[in-house]
């Protein structure tokens, strides 16, 4: 039976890039199970692929807008990698 692994990581706020310490839990095949922000004044933003964080001071609309920008950037990068093959 495979066990989950815990990882302490540093991630920047999606809106302003302020750094936060994050405790992330991954399965044996490296899929994110859960995460929690261990620094004050931040929270995790739901994403199934990797830990994402935002400051508590940002509005829900600011976080949602930043998350959409982040997702679109990652789609473009994946497309660029596919074109280079």
PDB file of N, CA and C in Angstrom:
ATOM      1  N   UNK A   1       0.839  -1.182   0.000  1.00  0.00           N
ATOM      2  CA  UNK A   1       0.000   0.000   0.000  1.00  0.00           C
ATOM      3  C   UNK A   1       0.886   1.248   0.000  1.00  0.00           C
ATOM      4  N   UNK A   2       0.645   2.161  -0.908  1.00  0.00           N
ATOM      5  CA  UNK A   2       1.419   3.392  -0.998  1.00  0.00           C
ATOM      6  C   UNK A   2       0.911   4.406   0.010  1.00  0.00           C
ATOM      7  N   UNK A   3       1.838   5.184   0.525  1.00  0.00           N
ATOM      8  CA  UNK A   3       1.470   6.198   1.497  1.00  0.00           C
ATOM      9  C   UNK A   3       1.585   7.581   0.892  1.00  0.00           C
ATOM     10  N   UNK A   4       0.800   8.503   1.440  1.00  0.00           N
ATOM     11  CA  UNK A   4       0.895   9.895   1.030  1.00  0.00           C
ATOM     12  C   UNK A   4       2.164  10.512   1.605  1.00  0.00           C
ATOM     13  N   UNK A   5       2.659  11.536   0.939  1.00  0.00           N
ATOM     14  CA  UNK A   5       3.838  12.244   1.436  1.00  0.00           C
ATOM     15  C   UNK A   5       3.478  13.695   1.711  1.00  0.00           C
ATOM     16  N   UNK A   6       4.074  14.239   2.767  1.00  0.00           N
ATOM     17  CA  UNK A   6       3.893  15.640   3.125  1.00  0.00           C
ATOM     18  C   UNK A   6       5.072  16.432   2.592  1.00  0.00           C
ATOM     19  N   UNK A   7       4.798  17.635   2.138  1.00  0.00           N
ATOM     20  CA  UNK A   7       5.853  18.484   1.606  1.00  0.00           C
ATOM     21  C   UNK A   7       5.616  19.920   2.070  1.00  0.00           C
ATOM     22  N   UNK A   8       6.658  20.541   2.634  1.00  0.00           N
ATOM     23  CA  UNK A   8       6.583  21.954   2.985  1.00  0.00           C
ATOM     24  C   UNK A   8       7.132  22.735   1.802  1.00  0.00           C
ATOM     25  N   UNK A   9       6.314  23.643   1.272  1.00  0.00           N
ATOM     26  CA  UNK A   9       6.663  24.374   0.062  1.00  0.00           C
ATOM     27  C   UNK A   9       6.409  25.867   0.255  1.00  0.00           C
ATOM     28  N   UNK A  10       6.977  26.675  -0.606  1.00  0.00           N
ATOM     29  CA  UNK A  10       6.732  28.111  -0.608  1.00  0.00           C
ATOM     30  C   UNK A  10       6.005  28.452  -1.905  1.00  0.00           C
ATOM     31  N   UNK A  11       4.869  29.146  -1.778  1.00  0.00           N
ATOM     32  CA  UNK A  11       4.084  29.554  -2.942  1.00  0.00           C
ATOM     33  C   UNK A  11       3.720  31.017  -2.801  1.00  0.00           C
ATOM     34  N   UNK A  12       3.614  31.706  -3.927  1.00  0.00           N
ATOM     35  CA  UNK A  12       3.247  33.116  -3.936  1.00  0.00           C
ATOM     36  C   UNK A  12       1.753  33.295  -4.118  1.00  0.00           C
ATOM     37  N   UNK A  13       1.237  34.359  -3.529  1.00  0.00           N
ATOM     38  CA  UNK A  13      -0.173  34.712  -3.678  1.00  0.00           C
ATOM     39  C   UNK A  13      -0.483  34.896  -5.168  1.00  0.00           C
ATOM     40  N   UNK A  14      -1.608  34.372  -5.602  1.00  0.00           N
ATOM     41  CA  UNK A  14      -2.017  34.501  -7.000  1.00  0.00           C
ATOM     42  C   UNK A  14      -2.223  35.953  -7.409  1.00  0.00           C
ATOM     43  N   UNK A  15      -2.595  36.800  -6.457  1.00  0.00           N
ATOM     44  CA  UNK A  15      -2.917  38.189  -6.773  1.00  0.00           C
ATOM     45  C   UNK A  15      -1.693  39.089  -6.702  1.00  0.00           C
ATOM     46  N   UNK A  16      -0.925  38.997  -5.591  1.00  0.00           N
ATOM     47  CA  UNK A  16       0.159  39.962  -5.371  1.00  0.00           C
ATOM     48  C   UNK A  16       1.545  39.330  -5.218  1.00  0.00           C
ATOM     49  N   UNK A  17       1.639  38.028  -5.236  1.00  0.00           N
ATOM     50  CA  UNK A  17       2.902  37.282  -5.172  1.00  0.00           C
ATOM     51  C   UNK A  17       3.542  37.246  -3.783  1.00  0.00           C
ATOM     52  N   UNK A  18       2.860  37.703  -2.737  1.00  0.00           N
ATOM     53  CA  UNK A  18       3.392  37.579  -1.379  1.00  0.00           C
ATOM     54  C   UNK A  18       3.632  36.102  -1.096  1.00  0.00           C
ATOM     55  N   UNK A  19       4.754  35.776  -0.451  1.00  0.00           N
ATOM     56  CA  UNK A  19       5.130  34.378  -0.238  1.00  0.00           C
ATOM     57  C   UNK A  19       4.507  33.797   1.022  1.00  0.00           C
ATOM     58  N   UNK A  20       4.086  32.543   0.911  1.00  0.00           N
ATOM     59  CA  UNK A  20       3.491  31.796   2.014  1.00  0.00           C
ATOM     60  C   UNK A  20       4.111  30.414   2.103  1.00  0.00           C
ATOM     61  N   UNK A  21       4.243  29.915   3.333  1.00  0.00           N
ATOM     62  CA  UNK A  21       4.628  28.525   3.547  1.00  0.00           C
ATOM     63  C   UNK A  21       3.367  27.676   3.453  1.00  0.00           C
ATOM     64  N   UNK A  22       3.486  26.557   2.756  1.00  0.00           N
ATOM     65  CA  UNK A  22       2.347  25.679   2.520  1.00  0.00           C
ATOM     66  C   UNK A  22       2.743  24.243   2.860  1.00  0.00           C
ATOM     67  N   UNK A  23       1.869  23.555   3.561  1.00  0.00           N
ATOM     68  CA  UNK A  23       2.024  22.121   3.786  1.00  0.00           C
ATOM     69  C   UNK A  23       1.119  21.422   2.785  1.00  0.00           C
ATOM     70  N   UNK A  24       1.724  20.672   1.866  1.00  0.00           N
ATOM     71  CA  UNK A  24       0.976  19.977   0.823  1.00  0.00           C
ATOM     72  C   UNK A  24       1.097  18.469   1.028  1.00  0.00           C
ATOM     73  N   UNK A  25       0.022  17.762   0.736  1.00  0.00           N
ATOM     74  CA  UNK A  25      -0.003  16.302   0.841  1.00  0.00           C
ATOM     75  C   UNK A  25      -0.216  15.744  -0.562  1.00  0.00           C
ATOM     76  N   UNK A  26       0.693  14.833  -0.961  1.00  0.00           N
ATOM     77  CA  UNK A  26       0.648  14.223  -2.289  1.00  0.00           C
ATOM     78  C   UNK A  26       0.518  12.711  -2.170  1.00  0.00           C
ATOM     79  N   UNK A  27      -0.132  12.101  -3.167  1.00  0.00           N
ATOM     80  CA  UNK A  27      -0.190  10.647  -3.245  1.00  0.00           C
ATOM     81  C   UNK A  27       1.157  10.142  -3.745  1.00  0.00           C
ATOM     82  N   UNK A  28       1.329   8.833  -3.751  1.00  0.00           N
ATOM     83  CA  UNK A  28       2.579   8.228  -4.217  1.00  0.00           C
ATOM     84  C   UNK A  28       2.856   8.563  -5.689  1.00  0.00           C
ATOM     85  N   UNK A  29       1.807   8.789  -6.485  1.00  0.00           N
ATOM     86  CA  UNK A  29       2.004   9.145  -7.900  1.00  0.00           C
ATOM     87  C   UNK A  29       1.961  10.664  -8.116  1.00  0.00           C
ATOM     88  N   UNK A  30       2.240  11.413  -7.046  1.00  0.00           N
ATOM     89  CA  UNK A  30       2.435  12.868  -7.103  1.00  0.00           C
ATOM     90  C   UNK A  30       1.185  13.683  -7.399  1.00  0.00           C
ATOM     91  N   UNK A  31       0.016  13.205  -7.036  1.00  0.00           N
ATOM     92  CA  UNK A  31      -1.215  13.975  -7.190  1.00  0.00           C
ATOM     93  C   UNK A  31      -1.517  14.675  -5.866  1.00  0.00           C
ATOM     94  N   UNK A  32      -1.935  15.934  -5.962  1.00  0.00           N
ATOM     95  CA  UNK A  32      -2.249  16.719  -4.773  1.00  0.00           C
ATOM     96  C   UNK A  32      -3.491  16.179  -4.080  1.00  0.00           C
ATOM     97  N   UNK A  33      -3.383  15.916  -2.783  1.00  0.00           N
ATOM     98  CA  UNK A  33      -4.519  15.462  -1.989  1.00  0.00           C
ATOM     99  C   UNK A  33      -5.141  16.649  -1.269  1.00  0.00           C
ATOM    100  N   UNK A  34      -4.297  17.448  -0.615  1.00  0.00           N
ATOM    101  CA  UNK A  34      -4.783  18.576   0.166  1.00  0.00           C
ATOM    102  C   UNK A  34      -3.617  19.505   0.460  1.00  0.00           C
ATOM    103  N   UNK A  35      -3.937  20.735   0.846  1.00  0.00           N
ATOM    104  CA  UNK A  35      -2.885  21.662   1.270  1.00  0.00           C
ATOM    105  C   UNK A  35      -3.450  22.623   2.301  1.00  0.00           C
ATOM    106  N   UNK A  36      -2.542  23.186   3.075  1.00  0.00           N
ATOM    107  CA  UNK A  36      -2.917  24.202   4.049  1.00  0.00           C
ATOM    108  C   UNK A  36      -1.793  25.226   4.134  1.00  0.00           C
ATOM    109  N   UNK A  37      -2.173  26.484   4.283  1.00  0.00           N
ATOM    110  CA  UNK A  37      -1.192  27.555   4.424  1.00  0.00           C
ATOM    111  C   UNK A  37      -0.791  27.612   5.887  1.00  0.00           C
ATOM    112  N   UNK A  38       0.510  27.549   6.158  1.00  0.00           N
ATOM    113  CA  UNK A  38       0.992  27.571   7.539  1.00  0.00           C
ATOM    114  C   UNK A  38       1.486  28.954   7.951  1.00  0.00           C
ATOM    115  N   UNK A  39       1.548  29.893   7.018  1.00  0.00           N
ATOM    116  CA  UNK A  39       1.888  31.279   7.320  1.00  0.00           C
ATOM    117  C   UNK A  39       0.595  32.030   7.670  1.00  0.00           C
ATOM    118  N   UNK A  40       0.698  33.100   8.454  1.00  0.00           N
ATOM    119  CA  UNK A  40      -0.505  33.870   8.777  1.00  0.00           C
ATOM    120  C   UNK A  40      -1.036  34.654   7.582  1.00  0.00           C
ATOM    121  N   UNK A  41      -2.331  34.897   7.580  1.00  0.00           N
ATOM    122  CA  UNK A  41      -3.017  35.784   6.630  1.00  0.00           C
ATOM    123  C   UNK A  41      -3.124  35.252   5.211  1.00  0.00           C
ATOM    124  N   UNK A  42      -3.136  33.938   5.043  1.00  0.00           N
ATOM    125  CA  UNK A  42      -3.294  33.361   3.711  1.00  0.00           C
ATOM    126  C   UNK A  42      -4.175  32.128   3.747  1.00  0.00           C
ATOM    127  N   UNK A  43      -4.640  31.723   2.571  1.00  0.00           N
ATOM    128  CA  UNK A  43      -5.466  30.516   2.467  1.00  0.00           C
ATOM    129  C   UNK A  43      -5.217  29.840   1.115  1.00  0.00           C
ATOM    130  N   UNK A  44      -5.532  28.560   1.066  1.00  0.00           N
ATOM    131  CA  UNK A  44      -5.385  27.806  -0.186  1.00  0.00           C
ATOM    132  C   UNK A  44      -6.526  28.148  -1.137  1.00  0.00           C
ATOM    133  N   UNK A  45      -6.202  28.160  -2.412  1.00  0.00           N
ATOM    134  CA  UNK A  45      -7.186  28.345  -3.476  1.00  0.00           C
ATOM    135  C   UNK A  45      -7.379  26.969  -4.110  1.00  0.00           C
ATOM    136  N   UNK A  46      -8.617  26.479  -4.163  1.00  0.00           N
ATOM    137  CA  UNK A  46      -8.845  25.130  -4.685  1.00  0.00           C
ATOM    138  C   UNK A  46      -8.313  24.941  -6.111  1.00  0.00           C
ATOM    139  N   UNK A  47      -7.492  23.918  -6.265  1.00  0.00           N
ATOM    140  CA  UNK A  47      -6.961  23.510  -7.564  1.00  0.00           C
ATOM    141  C   UNK A  47      -6.544  22.059  -7.424  1.00  0.00           C
ATOM    142  N   UNK A  48      -6.891  21.235  -8.373  1.00  0.00           N
ATOM    143  CA  UNK A  48      -6.607  19.806  -8.239  1.00  0.00           C
ATOM    144  C   UNK A  48      -5.191  19.416  -8.617  1.00  0.00           C
ATOM    145  N   UNK A  49      -4.433  20.335  -9.224  1.00  0.00           N
ATOM    146  CA  UNK A  49      -3.117  19.977  -9.731  1.00  0.00           C
ATOM    147  C   UNK A  49      -1.954  20.385  -8.846  1.00  0.00           C
ATOM    148  N   UNK A  50      -2.043  21.541  -8.197  1.00  0.00           N
ATOM    149  CA  UNK A  50      -0.947  21.998  -7.350  1.00  0.00           C
ATOM    150  C   UNK A  50      -1.476  22.988  -6.320  1.00  0.00           C
ATOM    151  N   UNK A  51      -0.722  23.171  -5.235  1.00  0.00           N
ATOM    152  CA  UNK A  51      -1.159  24.127  -4.214  1.00  0.00           C
ATOM    153  C   UNK A  51      -1.117  25.555  -4.757  1.00  0.00           C
ATOM    154  N   UNK A  52      -2.187  26.288  -4.534  1.00  0.00           N
ATOM    155  CA  UNK A  52      -2.260  27.697  -4.889  1.00  0.00           C
ATOM    156  C   UNK A  52      -2.716  28.454  -3.654  1.00  0.00           C
ATOM    157  N   UNK A  53      -2.210  29.675  -3.476  1.00  0.00           N
ATOM    158  CA  UNK A  53      -2.561  30.441  -2.279  1.00  0.00           C
ATOM    159  C   UNK A  53      -2.951  31.863  -2.646  1.00  0.00           C
ATOM    160  N   UNK A  54      -3.657  32.501  -1.702  1.00  0.00           N
ATOM    161  CA  UNK A  54      -4.020  33.905  -1.830  1.00  0.00           C
ATOM    162  C   UNK A  54      -4.036  34.526  -0.440  1.00  0.00           C
ATOM    163  N   UNK A  55      -3.741  35.811  -0.392  1.00  0.00           N
ATOM    164  CA  UNK A  55      -3.820  36.556   0.861  1.00  0.00           C
ATOM    165  C   UNK A  55      -5.286  36.674   1.291  1.00  0.00           C
ATOM    166  N   UNK A  56      -5.511  36.713   2.589  1.00  0.00           N
ATOM    167  CA  UNK A  56      -6.867  36.855   3.109  1.00  0.00           C
ATOM    168  C   UNK A  56      -7.475  38.226   2.789  1.00  0.00           C
ATOM    169  N   UNK A  57      -6.637  39.224   2.504  1.00  0.00           N
ATOM    170  CA  UNK A  57      -7.150  40.579   2.274  1.00  0.00           C
ATOM    171  C   UNK A  57      -7.761  40.768   0.893  1.00  0.00           C
ATOM    172  N   UNK A  58      -7.467  39.870  -0.050  1.00  0.00           N
ATOM    173  CA  UNK A  58      -7.989  40.026  -1.404  1.00  0.00           C
ATOM    174  C   UNK A  58      -9.445  39.576  -1.462  1.00  0.00           C
ATOM    175  N   UNK A  59     -10.220  40.272  -2.297  1.00  0.00           N
ATOM    176  CA  UNK A  59     -11.624  39.897  -2.462  1.00  0.00           C
ATOM    177  C   UNK A  59     -11.737  38.601  -3.256  1.00  0.00           C
ATOM    178  N   UNK A  60     -12.881  37.989  -3.159  1.00  0.00           N
ATOM    179  CA  UNK A  60     -13.131  36.755  -3.916  1.00  0.00           C
ATOM    180  C   UNK A  60     -13.010  37.010  -5.416  1.00  0.00           C
ATOM    181  N   UNK A  61     -13.471  38.170  -5.867  1.00  0.00           N
ATOM    182  CA  UNK A  61     -13.375  38.513  -7.291  1.00  0.00           C
ATOM    183  C   UNK A  61     -11.924  38.657  -7.738  1.00  0.00           C
ATOM    184  N   UNK A  62     -11.074  39.280  -6.903  1.00  0.00           N
ATOM    185  CA  UNK A  62      -9.655  39.424  -7.239  1.00  0.00           C
ATOM    186  C   UNK A  62      -8.984  38.059  -7.352  1.00  0.00           C
ATOM    187  N   UNK A  63      -9.284  37.182  -6.413  1.00  0.00           N
ATOM    188  CA  UNK A  63      -8.679  35.848  -6.406  1.00  0.00           C
ATOM    189  C   UNK A  63      -9.163  35.046  -7.617  1.00  0.00           C
ATOM    190  N   UNK A  64     -10.458  35.121  -7.900  1.00  0.00           N
ATOM    191  CA  UNK A  64     -11.014  34.386  -9.041  1.00  0.00           C
ATOM    192  C   UNK A  64     -10.405  34.878 -10.356  1.00  0.00           C
ATOM    193  N   UNK A  65     -10.269  36.181 -10.498  1.00  0.00           N
ATOM    194  CA  UNK A  65      -9.680  36.750 -11.705  1.00  0.00           C
ATOM    195  C   UNK A  65      -8.214  36.313 -11.854  1.00  0.00           C
ATOM    196  N   UNK A  66      -7.462  36.360 -10.763  1.00  0.00           N
ATOM    197  CA  UNK A  66      -6.051  35.939 -10.797  1.00  0.00           C
ATOM    198  C   UNK A  66      -5.937  34.451 -11.107  1.00  0.00           C
ATOM    199  N   UNK A  67      -6.848  33.648 -10.573  1.00  0.00           N
ATOM    200  CA  UNK A  67      -6.826  32.204 -10.831  1.00  0.00           C
ATOM    201  C   UNK A  67      -7.101  31.923 -12.312  1.00  0.00           C
ATOM    202  N   UNK A  68      -8.030  32.655 -12.899  1.00  0.00           N
ATOM    203  CA  UNK A  68      -8.315  32.482 -14.330  1.00  0.00           C
ATOM    204  C   UNK A  68      -7.107  32.859 -15.180  1.00  0.00           C
ATOM    205  N   UNK A  69      -6.418  33.959 -14.810  1.00  0.00           N
ATOM    206  CA  UNK A  69      -5.197  34.352 -15.540  1.00  0.00           C
ATOM    207  C   UNK A  69      -4.137  33.260 -15.412  1.00  0.00           C
ATOM    208  N   UNK A  70      -3.980  32.725 -14.212  1.00  0.00           N
ATOM    209  CA  UNK A  70      -3.000  31.667 -13.967  1.00  0.00           C
ATOM    210  C   UNK A  70      -3.320  30.441 -14.826  1.00  0.00           C
ATOM    211  N   UNK A  71      -4.603  30.054 -14.863  1.00  0.00           N
ATOM    212  CA  UNK A  71      -4.999  28.895 -15.666  1.00  0.00           C
ATOM    213  C   UNK A  71      -4.747  29.140 -17.151  1.00  0.00           C
ATOM    214  N   UNK A  72      -5.076  30.317 -17.656  1.00  0.00           N
ATOM    215  CA  UNK A  72      -4.890  30.589 -19.074  1.00  0.00           C
ATOM    216  C   UNK A  72      -3.405  30.617 -19.435  1.00  0.00           C
ATOM    217  N   UNK A  73      -2.571  31.121 -18.538  1.00  0.00           N
ATOM    218  CA  UNK A  73      -1.125  31.117 -18.783  1.00  0.00           C
ATOM    219  C   UNK A  73      -0.608  29.686 -18.868  1.00  0.00           C
ATOM    220  N   UNK A  74      -1.083  28.815 -17.990  1.00  0.00           N
ATOM    221  CA  UNK A  74      -0.635  27.423 -18.003  1.00  0.00           C
ATOM    222  C   UNK A  74      -1.104  26.690 -19.246  1.00  0.00           C
ATOM    223  N   UNK A  75      -2.279  27.003 -19.746  1.00  0.00           N
ATOM    224  CA  UNK A  75      -2.776  26.386 -20.981  1.00  0.00           C
ATOM    225  C   UNK A  75      -1.902  26.828 -22.148  1.00  0.00           C
ATOM    226  N   UNK A  76      -1.549  28.122 -22.193  1.00  0.00           N
ATOM    227  CA  UNK A  76      -0.698  28.627 -23.263  1.00  0.00           C
ATOM    228  C   UNK A  76       0.677  27.970 -23.210  1.00  0.00           C
ATOM    229  N   UNK A  77       1.259  27.824 -22.016  1.00  0.00           N
ATOM    230  CA  UNK A  77       2.568  27.185 -21.891  1.00  0.00           C
ATOM    231  C   UNK A  77       2.515  25.732 -22.338  1.00  0.00           C
ATOM    232  N   UNK A  78       1.437  25.029 -22.004  1.00  0.00           N
ATOM    233  CA  UNK A  78       1.294  23.633 -22.420  1.00  0.00           C
ATOM    234  C   UNK A  78       1.176  23.544 -23.942  1.00  0.00           C
ATOM    235  N   UNK A  79       0.434  24.483 -24.536  1.00  0.00           N
ATOM    236  CA  UNK A  79       0.304  24.511 -25.999  1.00  0.00           C
ATOM    237  C   UNK A  79       1.653  24.788 -26.661  1.00  0.00           C
ATOM    238  N   UNK A  80       2.422  25.716 -26.083  1.00  0.00           N
ATOM    239  CA  UNK A  80       3.748  26.037 -26.622  1.00  0.00           C
ATOM    240  C   UNK A  80       4.667  24.820 -26.567  1.00  0.00           C
ATOM    241  N   UNK A  81       4.629  24.083 -25.476  1.00  0.00           N
ATOM    242  CA  UNK A  81       5.459  22.882 -25.342  1.00  0.00           C
ATOM    243  C   UNK A  81       5.046  21.856 -26.380  1.00  0.00           C
ATOM    244  N   UNK A  82       3.755  21.708 -26.610  1.00  0.00           N
ATOM    245  CA  UNK A  82       3.246  20.747 -27.588  1.00  0.00           C
ATOM    246  C   UNK A  82       3.699  21.133 -28.995  1.00  0.00           C
ATOM    247  N   UNK A  83       3.710  22.445 -29.304  1.00  0.00           N
ATOM    248  CA  UNK A  83       4.146  22.907 -30.617  1.00  0.00           C
ATOM    249  C   UNK A  83       5.628  22.672 -30.856  1.00  0.00           C
ATOM    250  N   UNK A  84       6.424  22.655 -29.785  1.00  0.00           N
ATOM    251  CA  UNK A  84       7.868  22.474 -29.915  1.00  0.00           C
ATOM    252  C   UNK A  84       8.286  21.024 -30.066  1.00  0.00           C
ATOM    253  N   UNK A  85       7.375  20.100 -29.965  1.00  0.00           N
ATOM    254  CA  UNK A  85       7.721  18.666 -30.082  1.00  0.00           C
ATOM    255  C   UNK A  85       7.849  18.262 -31.515  1.00  0.00           C
TER     256      UNK A  85
END
